């Protein structure tokens, strides 16, 4: 097996209310799909934020392609990752400008912005949406634009925090198919949180189940 694209060892995170995340070891392969399940308060989002380098653990190490993540290289590594939140924020402008901003922040050559945006929108089934006003989109469309905004810069790791919450079955099916297509086309590593165990089993190569900040053997869902 190839060396993992992302690995954590001995990671602990203490919260003010006494909650602690305690993960001895996890690793993620390039092009793999991973679900993180568990009830509310189990640590799913905290773990996702640590993996995405948005939060620092109190203890432990994070490795990207076997190189240890440090204060000095974390920004460069974060530019190779992307995250879509449960309720993604889109700026009050066109879809194209929303996506172009993401490319600009990652120093993508302006000459290829248009082609990258067009390809990403085709990928999520929103071809010709560049001139649409983002706040007018439906929730399902907004989720797909948020994913396209990340796909436009070709991340190596894509994080999705509860991407299927509060959208109808039609759009759930679209997003599930999209995740599979992203992995197949780009060999992107996809890590997502979900309460739906059946969905986790459909989409993920591996399911990581959390309870009180620790990995448990049996998958656990939650409301």
N, C-alpha and C. Protein backbone atom coordinates (compact mmCIF):
# COMPACT_ATOMS: atom_id res chain seq x y z
N UNK A 1 0.84 -1.20 0.00
CA UNK A 1 0.00 0.00 0.00
C UNK A 1 0.88 1.25 0.00
N UNK A 2 0.45 2.25 -0.74
CA UNK A 2 1.20 3.50 -0.80
C UNK A 2 1.19 4.21 0.55
N UNK A 3 2.15 5.10 0.73
CA UNK A 3 2.17 5.91 1.94
C UNK A 3 0.94 6.81 1.96
N UNK A 4 0.35 7.03 3.12
CA UNK A 4 -0.88 7.84 3.19
C UNK A 4 -0.62 9.29 2.81
N UNK A 5 -1.64 9.93 2.26
CA UNK A 5 -1.54 11.35 1.96
C UNK A 5 -1.65 12.17 3.25
N UNK A 6 -2.40 11.65 4.23
CA UNK A 6 -2.63 12.38 5.48
C UNK A 6 -2.63 11.38 6.63
N UNK A 7 -1.94 11.76 7.72
CA UNK A 7 -1.85 10.86 8.87
C UNK A 7 -1.77 11.69 10.15
N UNK A 8 -2.44 11.21 11.20
CA UNK A 8 -2.30 11.86 12.50
C UNK A 8 -1.91 10.80 13.53
N UNK A 9 -1.13 11.22 14.51
CA UNK A 9 -0.67 10.32 15.56
C UNK A 9 -0.74 11.03 16.91
N UNK A 10 -1.34 10.35 17.87
CA UNK A 10 -1.39 10.86 19.23
C UNK A 10 -2.07 12.20 19.38
N UNK A 11 -3.09 12.45 18.58
CA UNK A 11 -3.74 13.76 18.59
C UNK A 11 -4.74 13.87 19.74
N UNK A 12 -4.60 14.95 20.51
CA UNK A 12 -5.53 15.23 21.59
C UNK A 12 -5.94 16.69 21.53
N UNK A 13 -7.20 16.95 21.84
CA UNK A 13 -7.72 18.32 21.86
C UNK A 13 -8.63 18.47 23.07
N UNK A 14 -8.28 19.39 23.95
CA UNK A 14 -9.08 19.63 25.14
C UNK A 14 -9.95 20.87 24.93
N UNK A 15 -11.19 20.79 25.35
CA UNK A 15 -12.13 21.89 25.23
C UNK A 15 -12.44 22.45 26.60
N UNK A 16 -12.96 23.69 26.63
CA UNK A 16 -13.25 24.35 27.89
C UNK A 16 -14.22 23.59 28.78
N UNK A 17 -15.20 22.92 28.17
CA UNK A 17 -16.19 22.19 28.94
C UNK A 17 -15.73 20.84 29.43
N UNK A 18 -14.46 20.51 29.19
CA UNK A 18 -13.94 19.24 29.65
C UNK A 18 -13.86 18.17 28.57
N UNK A 19 -14.47 18.44 27.39
CA UNK A 19 -14.42 17.47 26.31
C UNK A 19 -13.01 17.33 25.77
N UNK A 20 -12.63 16.13 25.45
CA UNK A 20 -11.32 15.93 24.86
C UNK A 20 -11.42 14.98 23.67
N UNK A 21 -10.66 15.31 22.64
CA UNK A 21 -10.53 14.43 21.48
C UNK A 21 -9.23 13.66 21.67
N UNK A 22 -9.30 12.36 21.56
CA UNK A 22 -8.12 11.52 21.80
C UNK A 22 -8.04 10.46 20.70
N UNK A 23 -7.19 10.72 19.69
CA UNK A 23 -7.09 9.84 18.53
C UNK A 23 -5.66 9.31 18.44
N UNK A 24 -5.43 8.05 18.77
CA UNK A 24 -4.06 7.51 18.73
C UNK A 24 -3.44 7.54 17.34
N UNK A 25 -4.22 7.16 16.32
CA UNK A 25 -3.66 7.14 14.96
C UNK A 25 -4.79 7.01 13.94
N UNK A 26 -4.66 7.76 12.86
CA UNK A 26 -5.55 7.64 11.71
C UNK A 26 -4.72 7.94 10.47
N UNK A 27 -5.03 7.25 9.37
CA UNK A 27 -4.37 7.60 8.12
C UNK A 27 -5.35 7.49 6.96
N UNK A 28 -5.07 8.29 5.93
CA UNK A 28 -5.97 8.42 4.79
C UNK A 28 -5.16 8.29 3.51
N UNK A 29 -5.63 7.43 2.60
CA UNK A 29 -4.93 7.18 1.36
C UNK A 29 -5.41 8.12 0.25
N UNK A 30 -4.55 8.39 -0.68
CA UNK A 30 -4.91 9.22 -1.84
C UNK A 30 -6.03 8.54 -2.62
N UNK A 31 -7.05 9.32 -2.97
CA UNK A 31 -8.16 8.79 -3.75
C UNK A 31 -9.15 7.97 -2.95
N UNK A 32 -9.03 7.98 -1.62
CA UNK A 32 -9.95 7.23 -0.78
C UNK A 32 -11.10 8.09 -0.31
N UNK A 33 -12.19 7.43 0.10
CA UNK A 33 -13.36 8.12 0.66
C UNK A 33 -13.53 7.66 2.11
N UNK A 34 -13.64 8.62 3.02
CA UNK A 34 -13.70 8.32 4.45
C UNK A 34 -14.86 9.08 5.08
N UNK A 35 -15.65 8.38 5.87
CA UNK A 35 -16.74 9.03 6.59
C UNK A 35 -16.42 9.05 8.08
N UNK A 36 -16.84 10.13 8.73
CA UNK A 36 -16.71 10.26 10.18
C UNK A 36 -18.11 10.35 10.73
N UNK A 37 -18.49 9.38 11.56
CA UNK A 37 -19.85 9.32 12.08
C UNK A 37 -19.83 9.41 13.61
N UNK A 38 -21.00 9.67 14.16
CA UNK A 38 -21.15 9.75 15.60
C UNK A 38 -22.23 10.74 15.96
N UNK A 39 -22.75 10.67 17.17
CA UNK A 39 -23.81 11.59 17.60
C UNK A 39 -23.29 13.00 17.76
N UNK A 40 -24.20 13.94 17.91
CA UNK A 40 -23.81 15.33 18.16
C UNK A 40 -22.92 15.40 19.40
N UNK A 41 -21.84 16.17 19.29
CA UNK A 41 -20.94 16.32 20.41
C UNK A 41 -19.89 15.24 20.54
N UNK A 42 -19.82 14.35 19.57
CA UNK A 42 -18.85 13.25 19.64
C UNK A 42 -17.46 13.65 19.19
N UNK A 43 -17.35 14.81 18.51
CA UNK A 43 -16.04 15.27 18.07
C UNK A 43 -15.81 15.24 16.58
N UNK A 44 -16.86 15.01 15.80
CA UNK A 44 -16.70 14.89 14.35
C UNK A 44 -16.11 16.16 13.73
N UNK A 45 -16.75 17.30 14.02
CA UNK A 45 -16.29 18.55 13.41
C UNK A 45 -14.91 18.95 13.94
N UNK A 46 -14.66 18.71 15.22
CA UNK A 46 -13.33 19.01 15.78
C UNK A 46 -12.25 18.21 15.06
N UNK A 47 -12.50 16.93 14.85
CA UNK A 47 -11.53 16.10 14.13
C UNK A 47 -11.36 16.61 12.71
N UNK A 48 -12.46 16.95 12.05
CA UNK A 48 -12.37 17.45 10.68
C UNK A 48 -11.54 18.73 10.62
N UNK A 49 -11.75 19.62 11.58
CA UNK A 49 -11.01 20.88 11.60
C UNK A 49 -9.52 20.68 11.86
N UNK A 50 -9.19 19.70 12.68
CA UNK A 50 -7.78 19.40 12.93
C UNK A 50 -7.13 18.81 11.68
N UNK A 51 -7.82 17.90 11.03
CA UNK A 51 -7.28 17.31 9.80
C UNK A 51 -7.07 18.37 8.72
N UNK A 52 -7.96 19.36 8.69
CA UNK A 52 -7.90 20.43 7.70
C UNK A 52 -6.99 21.58 8.13
N UNK A 53 -6.33 21.41 9.30
CA UNK A 53 -5.39 22.40 9.83
C UNK A 53 -6.05 23.72 10.20
N UNK A 54 -7.37 23.68 10.47
CA UNK A 54 -8.07 24.86 10.94
C UNK A 54 -7.96 25.02 12.45
N UNK A 55 -7.74 23.90 13.15
CA UNK A 55 -7.51 23.91 14.59
C UNK A 55 -6.22 23.15 14.88
N UNK A 56 -5.49 23.63 15.86
CA UNK A 56 -4.28 22.94 16.28
C UNK A 56 -4.60 21.98 17.42
N UNK A 57 -4.10 20.77 17.36
CA UNK A 57 -4.28 19.87 18.50
C UNK A 57 -3.41 20.32 19.66
N UNK A 58 -3.83 19.97 20.88
CA UNK A 58 -3.00 20.28 22.04
C UNK A 58 -1.79 19.35 22.12
N UNK A 59 -1.96 18.15 21.63
CA UNK A 59 -0.87 17.18 21.57
C UNK A 59 -0.96 16.41 20.26
N UNK A 60 0.15 15.80 19.87
CA UNK A 60 0.16 14.94 18.70
C UNK A 60 0.70 15.60 17.45
N UNK A 61 0.79 14.80 16.40
CA UNK A 61 1.40 15.25 15.15
C UNK A 61 0.50 14.95 13.96
N UNK A 62 0.62 15.80 12.94
CA UNK A 62 -0.09 15.63 11.68
C UNK A 62 0.95 15.54 10.57
N UNK A 63 0.77 14.59 9.66
CA UNK A 63 1.72 14.40 8.57
C UNK A 63 0.99 14.49 7.23
N UNK A 64 1.58 15.19 6.29
CA UNK A 64 1.05 15.29 4.93
C UNK A 64 2.11 14.71 4.00
N UNK A 65 1.77 13.61 3.32
CA UNK A 65 2.76 12.87 2.52
C UNK A 65 4.03 12.59 3.34
N UNK A 66 3.83 12.16 4.57
CA UNK A 66 4.91 11.76 5.47
C UNK A 66 5.75 12.93 5.97
N UNK A 67 5.46 14.15 5.50
CA UNK A 67 6.15 15.32 6.03
C UNK A 67 5.36 15.90 7.20
N UNK A 68 6.02 16.16 8.30
CA UNK A 68 5.34 16.66 9.48
C UNK A 68 4.84 18.09 9.25
N UNK A 69 3.59 18.34 9.61
CA UNK A 69 3.02 19.67 9.48
C UNK A 69 3.53 20.54 10.63
N UNK A 70 4.05 21.70 10.29
CA UNK A 70 4.56 22.63 11.29
C UNK A 70 3.93 24.00 11.06
N UNK A 71 4.21 24.90 11.98
CA UNK A 71 3.72 26.28 11.83
C UNK A 71 4.21 26.89 10.53
N UNK A 72 5.39 26.49 10.08
CA UNK A 72 6.03 27.12 8.93
C UNK A 72 5.49 26.61 7.60
N UNK A 73 5.01 25.37 7.55
CA UNK A 73 4.55 24.84 6.26
C UNK A 73 3.04 24.63 6.19
N UNK A 74 2.33 24.94 7.27
CA UNK A 74 0.90 24.62 7.32
C UNK A 74 0.10 25.39 6.28
N UNK A 75 0.45 26.65 6.01
CA UNK A 75 -0.31 27.44 5.03
C UNK A 75 -0.16 26.84 3.63
N UNK A 76 1.03 26.45 3.26
CA UNK A 76 1.24 25.84 1.95
C UNK A 76 0.44 24.55 1.82
N UNK A 77 0.38 23.77 2.89
CA UNK A 77 -0.37 22.52 2.85
C UNK A 77 -1.87 22.79 2.79
N UNK A 78 -2.34 23.78 3.55
CA UNK A 78 -3.77 24.11 3.53
C UNK A 78 -4.23 24.51 2.15
N UNK A 79 -3.36 25.10 1.35
CA UNK A 79 -3.74 25.48 -0.01
C UNK A 79 -3.98 24.27 -0.89
N UNK A 80 -3.57 23.10 -0.45
CA UNK A 80 -3.80 21.86 -1.19
C UNK A 80 -5.04 21.13 -0.70
N UNK A 81 -5.74 21.76 0.24
CA UNK A 81 -6.95 21.18 0.82
C UNK A 81 -8.12 22.13 0.62
N UNK A 82 -9.31 21.60 0.74
CA UNK A 82 -10.50 22.44 0.67
C UNK A 82 -11.59 21.89 1.56
N UNK A 83 -12.40 22.80 2.11
CA UNK A 83 -13.46 22.36 3.01
C UNK A 83 -14.77 23.06 2.68
N UNK A 84 -15.84 22.28 2.67
CA UNK A 84 -17.19 22.81 2.47
C UNK A 84 -17.97 22.58 3.75
N UNK A 85 -18.48 23.67 4.32
CA UNK A 85 -19.20 23.59 5.59
C UNK A 85 -20.65 23.15 5.38
N UNK A 86 -21.31 22.82 6.48
CA UNK A 86 -22.71 22.40 6.42
C UNK A 86 -23.59 23.49 5.80
N UNK A 87 -23.32 24.75 6.16
CA UNK A 87 -24.04 25.89 5.59
C UNK A 87 -23.03 26.82 4.92
N UNK A 88 -22.60 26.48 3.70
CA UNK A 88 -21.53 27.26 3.06
C UNK A 88 -21.96 28.69 2.78
N UNK A 89 -21.02 29.61 2.95
CA UNK A 89 -21.30 31.02 2.68
C UNK A 89 -20.87 31.37 1.27
N UNK A 90 -21.79 31.96 0.52
CA UNK A 90 -21.48 32.47 -0.81
C UNK A 90 -21.60 33.98 -0.78
N UNK A 91 -20.63 34.67 -1.37
CA UNK A 91 -20.65 36.12 -1.40
C UNK A 91 -21.79 36.63 -2.28
N UNK A 92 -22.26 37.83 -1.98
CA UNK A 92 -23.39 38.42 -2.70
C UNK A 92 -22.92 38.98 -4.04
N UNK A 93 -22.57 38.07 -4.91
CA UNK A 93 -22.13 38.41 -6.25
C UNK A 93 -22.38 37.21 -7.15
N UNK A 94 -21.82 37.20 -8.32
CA UNK A 94 -22.08 36.09 -9.25
C UNK A 94 -21.36 34.82 -8.81
N UNK A 95 -21.82 33.71 -9.35
CA UNK A 95 -21.17 32.42 -9.10
C UNK A 95 -19.72 32.48 -9.56
N UNK A 96 -19.49 33.08 -10.73
CA UNK A 96 -18.12 33.14 -11.25
C UNK A 96 -17.20 33.88 -10.29
N UNK A 97 -17.63 35.03 -9.77
CA UNK A 97 -16.78 35.81 -8.89
C UNK A 97 -16.55 35.10 -7.56
N UNK A 98 -17.54 34.36 -7.10
CA UNK A 98 -17.35 33.54 -5.91
C UNK A 98 -16.22 32.54 -6.12
N UNK A 99 -16.23 31.91 -7.27
CA UNK A 99 -15.24 30.88 -7.56
C UNK A 99 -13.87 31.48 -7.86
N UNK A 100 -13.87 32.62 -8.53
CA UNK A 100 -12.60 33.26 -8.87
C UNK A 100 -11.85 33.70 -7.62
N UNK A 101 -12.60 34.10 -6.59
CA UNK A 101 -11.95 34.52 -5.35
C UNK A 101 -11.15 33.37 -4.73
N UNK A 102 -11.70 32.17 -4.78
CA UNK A 102 -10.99 31.02 -4.26
C UNK A 102 -9.71 30.75 -5.03
N UNK A 103 -9.76 30.93 -6.34
CA UNK A 103 -8.56 30.74 -7.17
C UNK A 103 -7.52 31.81 -6.86
N UNK A 104 -7.99 33.02 -6.68
CA UNK A 104 -7.08 34.13 -6.38
C UNK A 104 -6.35 33.90 -5.06
N UNK A 105 -7.07 33.42 -4.05
CA UNK A 105 -6.47 33.19 -2.74
C UNK A 105 -5.41 32.10 -2.77
N UNK A 106 -5.48 31.24 -3.77
CA UNK A 106 -4.49 30.16 -3.87
C UNK A 106 -3.49 30.41 -5.00
N UNK A 107 -3.46 31.66 -5.47
CA UNK A 107 -2.47 32.10 -6.43
C UNK A 107 -2.47 31.30 -7.74
N UNK A 108 -3.68 30.88 -8.15
CA UNK A 108 -3.81 30.19 -9.43
C UNK A 108 -3.68 31.22 -10.55
N UNK A 109 -2.98 30.87 -11.60
CA UNK A 109 -2.77 31.76 -12.74
C UNK A 109 -4.10 32.28 -13.28
N UNK A 110 -4.24 33.60 -13.32
CA UNK A 110 -5.49 34.22 -13.77
C UNK A 110 -5.87 33.78 -15.19
N UNK A 111 -4.91 33.43 -15.99
CA UNK A 111 -5.18 33.04 -17.38
C UNK A 111 -6.01 31.76 -17.48
N UNK A 112 -6.02 30.94 -16.43
CA UNK A 112 -6.77 29.68 -16.51
C UNK A 112 -8.01 29.70 -15.61
N UNK A 113 -8.32 30.85 -15.02
CA UNK A 113 -9.50 30.91 -14.15
C UNK A 113 -10.77 30.47 -14.87
N UNK A 114 -11.01 31.02 -16.05
CA UNK A 114 -12.26 30.73 -16.75
C UNK A 114 -12.42 29.24 -17.04
N UNK A 115 -11.36 28.62 -17.55
CA UNK A 115 -11.45 27.19 -17.88
C UNK A 115 -11.62 26.34 -16.63
N UNK A 116 -10.96 26.74 -15.54
CA UNK A 116 -11.08 25.98 -14.29
C UNK A 116 -12.50 26.10 -13.73
N UNK A 117 -13.06 27.31 -13.78
CA UNK A 117 -14.42 27.53 -13.28
C UNK A 117 -15.42 26.73 -14.12
N UNK A 118 -15.29 26.80 -15.44
CA UNK A 118 -16.22 26.10 -16.32
C UNK A 118 -16.18 24.60 -16.09
N UNK A 119 -14.98 24.05 -15.95
CA UNK A 119 -14.86 22.61 -15.73
C UNK A 119 -15.46 22.19 -14.40
N UNK A 120 -15.21 22.98 -13.35
CA UNK A 120 -15.74 22.65 -12.03
C UNK A 120 -17.26 22.71 -12.02
N UNK A 121 -17.84 23.72 -12.68
CA UNK A 121 -19.30 23.81 -12.73
C UNK A 121 -19.91 22.68 -13.53
N UNK A 122 -19.26 22.28 -14.61
CA UNK A 122 -19.75 21.10 -15.35
C UNK A 122 -19.71 19.87 -14.47
N UNK A 123 -18.67 19.77 -13.66
CA UNK A 123 -18.49 18.60 -12.80
C UNK A 123 -19.64 18.46 -11.81
N UNK A 124 -20.14 19.59 -11.31
CA UNK A 124 -21.22 19.54 -10.32
C UNK A 124 -22.60 19.68 -10.94
N UNK A 125 -22.67 19.67 -12.26
CA UNK A 125 -23.96 19.72 -12.95
C UNK A 125 -24.58 21.10 -13.02
N UNK A 126 -23.74 22.15 -12.98
CA UNK A 126 -24.25 23.53 -13.03
C UNK A 126 -23.61 24.31 -14.17
N UNK A 127 -23.56 23.70 -15.30
CA UNK A 127 -22.99 24.36 -16.47
C UNK A 127 -23.77 25.64 -16.78
N UNK A 128 -23.06 26.66 -17.21
CA UNK A 128 -23.64 27.96 -17.57
C UNK A 128 -24.24 28.72 -16.38
N UNK A 129 -23.78 28.43 -15.16
CA UNK A 129 -24.24 29.13 -13.97
C UNK A 129 -23.33 30.31 -13.60
N UNK A 130 -22.31 30.59 -14.41
CA UNK A 130 -21.32 31.60 -14.03
C UNK A 130 -21.93 32.96 -13.70
N UNK A 131 -22.95 33.37 -14.45
CA UNK A 131 -23.52 34.71 -14.28
C UNK A 131 -24.69 34.74 -13.29
N UNK A 132 -25.04 33.60 -12.75
CA UNK A 132 -26.15 33.56 -11.79
C UNK A 132 -25.75 34.27 -10.50
N UNK A 133 -26.71 34.94 -9.87
CA UNK A 133 -26.47 35.64 -8.61
C UNK A 133 -26.52 34.61 -7.47
N UNK A 134 -25.43 34.43 -6.77
CA UNK A 134 -25.30 33.33 -5.82
C UNK A 134 -26.40 33.28 -4.75
N UNK A 135 -26.81 34.42 -4.15
CA UNK A 135 -27.86 34.34 -3.11
C UNK A 135 -29.21 33.85 -3.63
N UNK A 136 -29.42 33.84 -4.94
CA UNK A 136 -30.69 33.39 -5.49
C UNK A 136 -30.75 31.88 -5.70
N UNK A 137 -29.66 31.19 -5.45
CA UNK A 137 -29.62 29.76 -5.69
C UNK A 137 -30.37 28.99 -4.61
N UNK A 138 -30.84 27.80 -4.95
CA UNK A 138 -31.46 26.93 -3.96
C UNK A 138 -30.37 26.38 -3.04
N UNK A 139 -30.78 25.76 -1.94
CA UNK A 139 -29.79 25.21 -1.00
C UNK A 139 -28.92 24.15 -1.67
N UNK A 140 -29.57 23.27 -2.45
CA UNK A 140 -28.81 22.23 -3.14
C UNK A 140 -27.83 22.81 -4.15
N UNK A 141 -28.26 23.83 -4.87
CA UNK A 141 -27.38 24.49 -5.83
C UNK A 141 -26.22 25.20 -5.13
N UNK A 142 -26.53 25.81 -3.99
CA UNK A 142 -25.48 26.50 -3.23
C UNK A 142 -24.42 25.52 -2.75
N UNK A 143 -24.86 24.35 -2.30
CA UNK A 143 -23.91 23.32 -1.87
C UNK A 143 -23.00 22.93 -3.02
N UNK A 144 -23.59 22.76 -4.20
CA UNK A 144 -22.78 22.33 -5.35
C UNK A 144 -21.84 23.44 -5.82
N UNK A 145 -22.28 24.69 -5.73
CA UNK A 145 -21.38 25.80 -6.08
C UNK A 145 -20.22 25.85 -5.09
N UNK A 146 -20.51 25.64 -3.81
CA UNK A 146 -19.45 25.64 -2.80
C UNK A 146 -18.43 24.54 -3.08
N UNK A 147 -18.92 23.38 -3.50
CA UNK A 147 -18.00 22.30 -3.86
C UNK A 147 -17.22 22.66 -5.12
N UNK A 148 -17.92 23.24 -6.09
CA UNK A 148 -17.24 23.63 -7.33
C UNK A 148 -16.16 24.68 -7.06
N UNK A 149 -16.42 25.59 -6.12
CA UNK A 149 -15.45 26.62 -5.77
C UNK A 149 -14.15 25.98 -5.28
N UNK A 150 -14.28 24.87 -4.56
CA UNK A 150 -13.10 24.14 -4.09
C UNK A 150 -12.47 23.35 -5.24
N UNK A 151 -13.31 22.68 -6.02
CA UNK A 151 -12.79 21.84 -7.12
C UNK A 151 -12.01 22.65 -8.15
N UNK A 152 -12.35 23.92 -8.28
CA UNK A 152 -11.71 24.75 -9.30
C UNK A 152 -10.20 24.84 -9.11
N UNK A 153 -9.72 24.70 -7.87
CA UNK A 153 -8.27 24.75 -7.69
C UNK A 153 -7.67 23.35 -7.48
N UNK A 154 -8.44 22.31 -7.74
CA UNK A 154 -7.97 20.92 -7.73
C UNK A 154 -7.31 20.53 -6.40
N UNK A 155 -8.06 20.50 -5.32
CA UNK A 155 -7.47 20.13 -4.03
C UNK A 155 -7.07 18.66 -4.01
N UNK A 156 -6.09 18.34 -3.21
CA UNK A 156 -5.70 16.94 -3.04
C UNK A 156 -6.56 16.26 -1.99
N UNK A 157 -7.07 17.05 -1.04
CA UNK A 157 -7.97 16.53 -0.02
C UNK A 157 -9.19 17.45 0.06
N UNK A 158 -10.38 16.86 0.03
CA UNK A 158 -11.63 17.61 0.13
C UNK A 158 -12.36 17.19 1.39
N UNK A 159 -12.65 18.16 2.26
CA UNK A 159 -13.39 17.91 3.49
C UNK A 159 -14.82 18.44 3.34
N UNK A 160 -15.78 17.65 3.81
CA UNK A 160 -17.19 18.02 3.72
C UNK A 160 -17.81 17.82 5.10
N UNK A 161 -18.29 18.90 5.71
CA UNK A 161 -18.89 18.82 7.04
C UNK A 161 -20.41 18.77 6.91
N UNK A 162 -20.98 17.59 7.15
CA UNK A 162 -22.43 17.37 7.04
C UNK A 162 -22.98 17.92 5.72
N UNK A 163 -22.44 17.52 4.59
CA UNK A 163 -22.86 18.13 3.32
C UNK A 163 -24.28 17.77 2.90
N UNK A 164 -24.87 16.76 3.53
CA UNK A 164 -26.19 16.29 3.09
C UNK A 164 -27.32 16.78 3.99
N UNK A 165 -27.00 17.59 4.98
CA UNK A 165 -28.02 18.04 5.92
C UNK A 165 -28.98 19.03 5.27
N UNK A 166 -30.24 18.84 5.55
CA UNK A 166 -31.29 19.81 5.17
C UNK A 166 -31.41 20.04 3.67
N UNK A 167 -31.10 19.02 2.88
CA UNK A 167 -31.40 19.10 1.45
C UNK A 167 -32.25 17.90 1.07
N UNK A 168 -33.02 18.04 0.01
CA UNK A 168 -33.96 16.99 -0.35
C UNK A 168 -33.25 15.78 -0.96
N UNK A 169 -34.01 14.70 -1.08
CA UNK A 169 -33.44 13.43 -1.55
C UNK A 169 -32.83 13.57 -2.93
N UNK A 170 -33.44 14.35 -3.80
CA UNK A 170 -32.90 14.54 -5.14
C UNK A 170 -31.47 15.08 -5.08
N UNK A 171 -31.26 16.10 -4.25
CA UNK A 171 -29.94 16.71 -4.17
C UNK A 171 -28.96 15.84 -3.38
N UNK A 172 -29.48 15.06 -2.44
CA UNK A 172 -28.62 14.09 -1.75
C UNK A 172 -28.04 13.11 -2.76
N UNK A 173 -28.90 12.60 -3.63
CA UNK A 173 -28.44 11.66 -4.66
C UNK A 173 -27.41 12.31 -5.59
N UNK A 174 -27.66 13.58 -5.94
CA UNK A 174 -26.72 14.30 -6.80
C UNK A 174 -25.36 14.45 -6.13
N UNK A 175 -25.36 14.81 -4.83
CA UNK A 175 -24.10 15.00 -4.12
C UNK A 175 -23.36 13.69 -3.93
N UNK A 176 -24.09 12.62 -3.65
CA UNK A 176 -23.43 11.32 -3.52
C UNK A 176 -22.75 10.92 -4.83
N UNK A 177 -23.46 11.11 -5.93
CA UNK A 177 -22.87 10.80 -7.23
C UNK A 177 -21.68 11.70 -7.53
N UNK A 178 -21.77 12.95 -7.09
CA UNK A 178 -20.69 13.91 -7.32
C UNK A 178 -19.43 13.50 -6.57
N UNK A 179 -19.58 13.06 -5.32
CA UNK A 179 -18.42 12.64 -4.55
C UNK A 179 -17.71 11.48 -5.24
N UNK A 180 -18.48 10.52 -5.73
CA UNK A 180 -17.88 9.39 -6.44
C UNK A 180 -17.16 9.86 -7.70
N UNK A 181 -17.77 10.80 -8.42
CA UNK A 181 -17.17 11.30 -9.66
C UNK A 181 -15.87 12.07 -9.39
N UNK A 182 -15.85 12.86 -8.30
CA UNK A 182 -14.65 13.62 -7.95
C UNK A 182 -13.48 12.68 -7.68
N UNK A 183 -13.75 11.63 -6.94
CA UNK A 183 -12.69 10.67 -6.61
C UNK A 183 -12.19 9.98 -7.88
N UNK A 184 -13.13 9.57 -8.73
CA UNK A 184 -12.75 8.86 -9.94
C UNK A 184 -11.97 9.75 -10.91
N UNK A 185 -12.39 11.00 -11.06
CA UNK A 185 -11.77 11.88 -12.05
C UNK A 185 -10.43 12.46 -11.57
N UNK A 186 -10.38 12.88 -10.30
CA UNK A 186 -9.21 13.62 -9.82
C UNK A 186 -8.36 12.85 -8.81
N UNK A 187 -8.81 11.67 -8.40
CA UNK A 187 -8.13 10.92 -7.33
C UNK A 187 -8.00 11.76 -6.05
N UNK A 188 -9.02 12.56 -5.81
CA UNK A 188 -9.07 13.39 -4.61
C UNK A 188 -9.42 12.51 -3.40
N UNK A 189 -8.77 12.76 -2.29
CA UNK A 189 -9.15 12.12 -1.03
C UNK A 189 -10.31 12.90 -0.44
N UNK A 190 -11.42 12.22 -0.16
CA UNK A 190 -12.62 12.88 0.36
C UNK A 190 -12.90 12.38 1.77
N UNK A 191 -13.03 13.34 2.71
CA UNK A 191 -13.31 13.01 4.11
C UNK A 191 -14.54 13.80 4.51
N UNK A 192 -15.60 13.11 4.92
CA UNK A 192 -16.85 13.80 5.22
C UNK A 192 -17.48 13.30 6.52
N UNK A 193 -18.23 14.18 7.17
CA UNK A 193 -18.99 13.80 8.35
C UNK A 193 -20.44 13.55 7.96
N UNK A 194 -21.08 12.61 8.65
CA UNK A 194 -22.48 12.32 8.38
C UNK A 194 -23.08 11.61 9.58
N UNK A 195 -24.40 11.80 9.76
CA UNK A 195 -25.14 11.04 10.77
C UNK A 195 -25.75 9.77 10.17
N UNK A 196 -25.72 9.66 8.86
CA UNK A 196 -26.41 8.59 8.14
C UNK A 196 -25.47 7.41 7.93
N UNK A 197 -25.64 6.35 8.70
CA UNK A 197 -24.73 5.21 8.61
C UNK A 197 -24.85 4.50 7.27
N UNK A 198 -26.06 4.41 6.74
CA UNK A 198 -26.24 3.75 5.43
C UNK A 198 -25.50 4.53 4.35
N UNK A 199 -25.58 5.84 4.44
CA UNK A 199 -24.87 6.68 3.48
C UNK A 199 -23.36 6.52 3.62
N UNK A 200 -22.87 6.47 4.85
CA UNK A 200 -21.44 6.26 5.09
C UNK A 200 -20.97 4.96 4.45
N UNK A 201 -21.77 3.92 4.59
CA UNK A 201 -21.40 2.63 4.03
C UNK A 201 -21.45 2.63 2.51
N UNK A 202 -22.37 3.41 1.94
CA UNK A 202 -22.46 3.49 0.48
C UNK A 202 -21.26 4.20 -0.12
N UNK A 203 -20.82 5.26 0.53
CA UNK A 203 -19.84 6.14 -0.09
C UNK A 203 -18.40 5.90 0.35
N UNK A 204 -18.22 5.44 1.58
CA UNK A 204 -16.88 5.44 2.16
C UNK A 204 -16.17 4.10 2.02
N UNK A 205 -14.86 4.19 1.81
CA UNK A 205 -14.02 3.00 1.87
C UNK A 205 -13.79 2.60 3.33
N UNK A 206 -13.86 3.60 4.21
CA UNK A 206 -13.65 3.34 5.64
C UNK A 206 -14.51 4.32 6.44
N UNK A 207 -15.14 3.82 7.49
CA UNK A 207 -15.95 4.65 8.37
C UNK A 207 -15.26 4.76 9.73
N UNK A 208 -15.08 6.00 10.18
CA UNK A 208 -14.48 6.27 11.48
C UNK A 208 -15.59 6.70 12.42
N UNK A 209 -15.86 5.89 13.44
CA UNK A 209 -16.97 6.18 14.35
C UNK A 209 -16.43 6.75 15.65
N UNK A 210 -17.01 7.87 16.07
CA UNK A 210 -16.58 8.55 17.29
C UNK A 210 -17.66 8.53 18.36
N UNK A 211 -17.21 8.43 19.60
CA UNK A 211 -18.08 8.57 20.76
C UNK A 211 -17.26 9.25 21.85
N UNK A 212 -17.71 10.39 22.32
CA UNK A 212 -17.00 11.14 23.36
C UNK A 212 -15.53 11.38 23.00
N UNK A 213 -15.31 11.69 21.72
CA UNK A 213 -13.97 12.07 21.29
C UNK A 213 -13.01 10.92 21.04
N UNK A 214 -13.52 9.69 21.07
CA UNK A 214 -12.66 8.54 20.86
C UNK A 214 -13.22 7.64 19.78
N UNK A 215 -12.35 6.94 19.10
CA UNK A 215 -12.77 6.02 18.05
C UNK A 215 -13.35 4.77 18.70
N UNK A 216 -14.50 4.34 18.22
CA UNK A 216 -15.13 3.12 18.71
C UNK A 216 -15.24 2.11 17.58
N UNK A 217 -15.33 0.85 17.93
CA UNK A 217 -15.28 -0.21 16.93
C UNK A 217 -16.54 -0.28 16.08
N UNK A 218 -17.69 -0.08 16.71
CA UNK A 218 -18.96 -0.21 15.99
C UNK A 218 -19.43 1.16 15.50
N UNK A 219 -19.89 1.23 14.23
CA UNK A 219 -20.40 2.51 13.71
C UNK A 219 -21.56 3.03 14.54
N UNK A 220 -21.53 4.34 14.80
CA UNK A 220 -22.57 4.98 15.60
C UNK A 220 -23.12 6.16 14.84
N UNK A 221 -24.42 6.22 14.69
CA UNK A 221 -25.04 7.37 14.03
C UNK A 221 -25.46 8.39 15.06
N UNK A 222 -26.41 9.21 14.67
CA UNK A 222 -26.89 10.23 15.61
C UNK A 222 -27.86 11.15 14.93
N UNK A 223 -28.63 11.85 15.75
CA UNK A 223 -29.63 12.77 15.20
C UNK A 223 -28.98 14.07 14.81
